[in-house]
C-alpha atoms as a PDB file:
ATOM      1  CA  UNK A   1    -193.271  62.322 -17.846  1.00  0.00           C
ATOM      2  CA  UNK A   2    -195.814  60.006 -18.342  1.00  0.00           C
ATOM      3  CA  UNK A   3    -194.762  56.282 -18.795  1.00  0.00           C
ATOM      4  CA  UNK A   4    -196.856  53.202 -20.705  1.00  0.00           C
ATOM      5  CA  UNK A   5    -196.680  50.008 -20.191  1.00  0.00           C
ATOM      6  CA  UNK A   6    -198.093  46.950 -21.923  1.00  0.00           C
ATOM      7  CA  UNK A   7    -198.607  43.636 -20.825  1.00  0.00           C
ATOM      8  CA  UNK A   8    -200.483  40.204 -21.584  1.00  0.00           C
ATOM      9  CA  UNK A   9    -198.611  39.123 -25.089  1.00  0.00           C
ATOM     10  CA  UNK A  10    -197.410  35.722 -25.727  1.00  0.00           C
ATOM     11  CA  UNK A  11    -198.388  32.756 -27.884  1.00  0.00           C
ATOM     12  CA  UNK A  12    -201.963  31.456 -28.639  1.00  0.00           C
ATOM     13  CA  UNK A  13    -203.224  28.865 -31.308  1.00  0.00           C
ATOM     14  CA  UNK A  14    -205.255  29.852 -34.354  1.00  0.00           C
ATOM     15  CA  UNK A  15    -208.920  30.607 -32.572  1.00  0.00           C
ATOM     16  CA  UNK A  16    -207.875  31.256 -29.187  1.00  0.00           C
ATOM     17  CA  UNK A  17    -208.025  34.349 -27.050  1.00  0.00           C
ATOM     18  CA  UNK A  18    -205.593  36.556 -25.291  1.00  0.00           C
ATOM     19  CA  UNK A  19    -205.660  39.743 -23.090  1.00  0.00           C
ATOM     20  CA  UNK A  20    -203.911  42.791 -23.209  1.00  0.00           C
ATOM     21  CA  UNK A  21    -203.068  45.334 -20.823  1.00  0.00           C
ATOM     22  CA  UNK A  22    -202.139  49.056 -21.047  1.00  0.00           C
ATOM     23  CA  UNK A  23    -201.332  51.183 -17.831  1.00  0.00           C
ATOM     24  CA  UNK A  24    -200.360  54.856 -18.199  1.00  0.00           C
ATOM     25  CA  UNK A  25    -198.603  56.484 -15.068  1.00  0.00           C
ATOM     26  CA  UNK A  26    -197.000  59.905 -14.321  1.00  0.00           C
ATOM     27  CA  UNK A  27    -197.878  63.017 -14.689  1.00  0.00           C
ATOM     28  CA  UNK A  28    -201.270  63.161 -17.028  1.00  0.00           C
ATOM     29  CA  UNK A  29    -203.478  65.859 -17.021  1.00  0.00           C
ATOM     30  CA  UNK A  30    -206.335  64.121 -18.976  1.00  0.00           C
ATOM     31  CA  UNK A  31    -207.219  61.496 -21.424  1.00  0.00           C
ATOM     32  CA  UNK A  32    -208.274  61.853 -24.848  1.00  0.00           C
ATOM     33  CA  UNK A  33    -207.933  58.860 -26.383  1.00  0.00           C
ATOM     34  CA  UNK A  34    -206.372  55.643 -25.819  1.00  0.00           C
ATOM     35  CA  UNK A  35    -205.614  53.172 -28.537  1.00  0.00           C
ATOM     36  CA  UNK A  36    -203.876  49.742 -29.586  1.00  0.00           C
ATOM     37  CA  UNK A  37    -201.446  49.729 -32.804  1.00  0.00           C
ATOM     38  CA  UNK A  38    -200.011  46.611 -34.256  1.00  0.00           C
ATOM     39  CA  UNK A  39    -196.832  46.256 -36.609  1.00  0.00           C
ATOM     40  CA  UNK A  40    -196.651  42.700 -38.444  1.00  0.00           C
ATOM     41  CA  UNK A  41    -192.893  42.129 -39.368  1.00  0.00           C
ATOM     42  CA  UNK A  42    -192.445  43.728 -42.897  1.00  0.00           C
ATOM     43  CA  UNK A  43    -195.268  46.070 -42.690  1.00  0.00           C
ATOM     44  CA  UNK A  44    -196.223  49.262 -41.055  1.00  0.00           C
ATOM     45  CA  UNK A  45    -197.658  50.168 -37.894  1.00  0.00           C
ATOM     46  CA  UNK A  46    -201.449  50.125 -38.203  1.00  0.00           C
ATOM     47  CA  UNK A  47    -204.523  50.681 -36.250  1.00  0.00           C
ATOM     48  CA  UNK A  48    -206.107  47.785 -33.952  1.00  0.00           C
ATOM     49  CA  UNK A  49    -208.489  49.844 -32.079  1.00  0.00           C
ATOM     50  CA  UNK A  50    -208.555  52.949 -30.240  1.00  0.00           C
ATOM     51  CA  UNK A  51    -211.314  55.145 -28.270  1.00  0.00           C
ATOM     52  CA  UNK A  52    -211.614  58.683 -27.961  1.00  0.00           C
ATOM     53  CA  UNK A  53    -213.299  59.334 -24.405  1.00  0.00           C
ATOM     54  CA  UNK A  54    -216.671  59.918 -24.882  1.00  0.00           C
ATOM     55  CA  UNK A  55    -216.676  58.002 -28.074  1.00  0.00           C
ATOM     56  CA  UNK A  56    -217.695  54.737 -29.365  1.00  0.00           C
ATOM     57  CA  UNK A  57    -214.409  52.463 -30.138  1.00  0.00           C
ATOM     58  CA  UNK A  58    -212.971  52.504 -33.702  1.00  0.00           C
ATOM     59  CA  UNK A  59    -211.480  49.175 -35.105  1.00  0.00           C
ATOM     60  CA  UNK A  60    -209.042  48.668 -37.911  1.00  0.00           C
ATOM     61  CA  UNK A  61    -209.587  46.221 -40.625  1.00  0.00           C
ATOM     62  CA  UNK A  62    -211.194  42.704 -39.619  1.00  0.00           C
ATOM     63  CA  UNK A  63    -210.679  43.360 -36.151  1.00  0.00           C
ATOM     64  CA  UNK A  64    -214.716  44.158 -35.395  1.00  0.00           C
ATOM     65  CA  UNK A  65    -216.101  41.554 -33.790  1.00  0.00           C
ATOM     66  CA  UNK A  66    -212.773  39.775 -32.696  1.00  0.00           C
ATOM     67  CA  UNK A  67    -211.282  42.312 -30.554  1.00  0.00           C
ATOM     68  CA  UNK A  68    -212.600  44.591 -27.812  1.00  0.00           C
ATOM     69  CA  UNK A  69    -210.999  47.730 -26.284  1.00  0.00           C
ATOM     70  CA  UNK A  70    -211.982  48.960 -23.336  1.00  0.00           C
ATOM     71  CA  UNK A  71    -210.373  52.443 -21.269  1.00  0.00           C
ATOM     72  CA  UNK A  72    -210.545  53.616 -17.660  1.00  0.00           C
ATOM     73  CA  UNK A  73    -209.438  56.966 -18.307  1.00  0.00           C
ATOM     74  CA  UNK A  74    -210.063  57.298 -13.835  1.00  0.00           C
ATOM     75  CA  UNK A  75    -207.052  54.507 -14.114  1.00  0.00           C
ATOM     76  CA  UNK A  76    -205.574  55.512 -16.995  1.00  0.00           C
ATOM     77  CA  UNK A  77    -205.880  52.241 -18.391  1.00  0.00           C
ATOM     78  CA  UNK A  78    -206.573  50.379 -21.695  1.00  0.00           C
ATOM     79  CA  UNK A  79    -207.562  46.738 -22.138  1.00  0.00           C
ATOM     80  CA  UNK A  80    -207.699  44.997 -25.512  1.00  0.00           C
ATOM     81  CA  UNK A  81    -209.343  41.379 -25.103  1.00  0.00           C
ATOM     82  CA  UNK A  82    -208.606  39.333 -28.263  1.00  0.00           C
ATOM     83  CA  UNK A  83    -210.916  36.233 -29.620  1.00  0.00           C
ATOM     84  CA  UNK A  84    -210.630  33.981 -32.610  1.00  0.00           C
ATOM     85  CA  UNK A  85    -207.098  34.847 -33.402  1.00  0.00           C
ATOM     86  CA  UNK A  86    -205.778  34.566 -36.422  1.00  0.00           C
ATOM     87  CA  UNK A  87    -201.924  34.210 -37.625  1.00  0.00           C
ATOM     88  CA  UNK A  88    -202.314  37.641 -39.495  1.00  0.00           C
ATOM     89  CA  UNK A  89    -202.664  39.235 -35.850  1.00  0.00           C
ATOM     90  CA  UNK A  90    -199.033  38.048 -35.533  1.00  0.00           C
ATOM     91  CA  UNK A  91    -197.270  41.206 -34.261  1.00  0.00           C
ATOM     92  CA  UNK A  92    -195.907  43.501 -32.004  1.00  0.00           C
ATOM     93  CA  UNK A  93    -199.052  45.254 -29.961  1.00  0.00           C
ATOM     94  CA  UNK A  94    -198.041  49.096 -29.063  1.00  0.00           C
ATOM     95  CA  UNK A  95    -200.397  51.180 -26.677  1.00  0.00           C
ATOM     96  CA  UNK A  96    -200.533  55.023 -27.756  1.00  0.00           C
ATOM     97  CA  UNK A  97    -202.334  57.586 -25.070  1.00  0.00           C
ATOM     98  CA  UNK A  98    -203.095  61.022 -26.209  1.00  0.00           C
ATOM     99  CA  UNK A  99    -203.557  63.405 -23.399  1.00  0.00           C
ATOM    100  CA  UNK A 100    -206.060  66.369 -22.869  1.00  0.00           C
ATOM    101  CA  UNK A 101    -203.238  68.385 -23.864  1.00  0.00           C
ATOM    102  CA  UNK A 102    -202.664  66.783 -27.140  1.00  0.00           C
ATOM    103  CA  UNK A 103    -199.455  65.313 -26.252  1.00  0.00           C
ATOM    104  CA  UNK A 104    -198.598  61.594 -27.556  1.00  0.00           C
ATOM    105  CA  UNK A 105    -196.874  58.661 -25.578  1.00  0.00           C
ATOM    106  CA  UNK A 106    -196.467  55.387 -26.835  1.00  0.00           C
ATOM    107  CA  UNK A 107    -195.173  52.225 -25.127  1.00  0.00           C
ATOM    108  CA  UNK A 108    -192.539  49.731 -25.976  1.00  0.00           C
ATOM    109  CA  UNK A 109    -194.976  47.225 -27.270  1.00  0.00           C
ATOM    110  CA  UNK A 110    -195.699  43.565 -26.522  1.00  0.00           C
ATOM    111  CA  UNK A 111    -195.237  40.732 -28.878  1.00  0.00           C
ATOM    112  CA  UNK A 112    -198.259  38.851 -30.032  1.00  0.00           C
ATOM    113  CA  UNK A 113    -197.978  35.284 -32.135  1.00  0.00           C
ATOM    114  CA  UNK A 114    -200.580  33.393 -33.430  1.00  0.00           C
ATOM    115  CA  UNK A 115    -199.185  30.033 -34.194  1.00  0.00           C
ATOM    116  CA  UNK A 116    -200.223  26.050 -33.765  1.00  0.00           C
END
């Protein structure tokens, strides 16, 4: 059983910053990838950032240069540092874990609202 817990969402003004944390726990054989996805109101869920272990990060459109993802595979954690936030960054941010056995797990999500 694997549990994913996200934290760090909230409200920030345009141009502000937030940091999201993702902690995976349970029986995890190894981590192949961790990532963050976002679902804005009325839109499908889309990629924010992800890292396959041993590779460089991949970022969604209009994300790179503003957000930075980091993963600690030994601690089963993923961080998303978000800066220069825009109103269109508003949404529910969910953490995904892909294990080394290619099983996928998702957290419940954390709300991020960018508004003045």
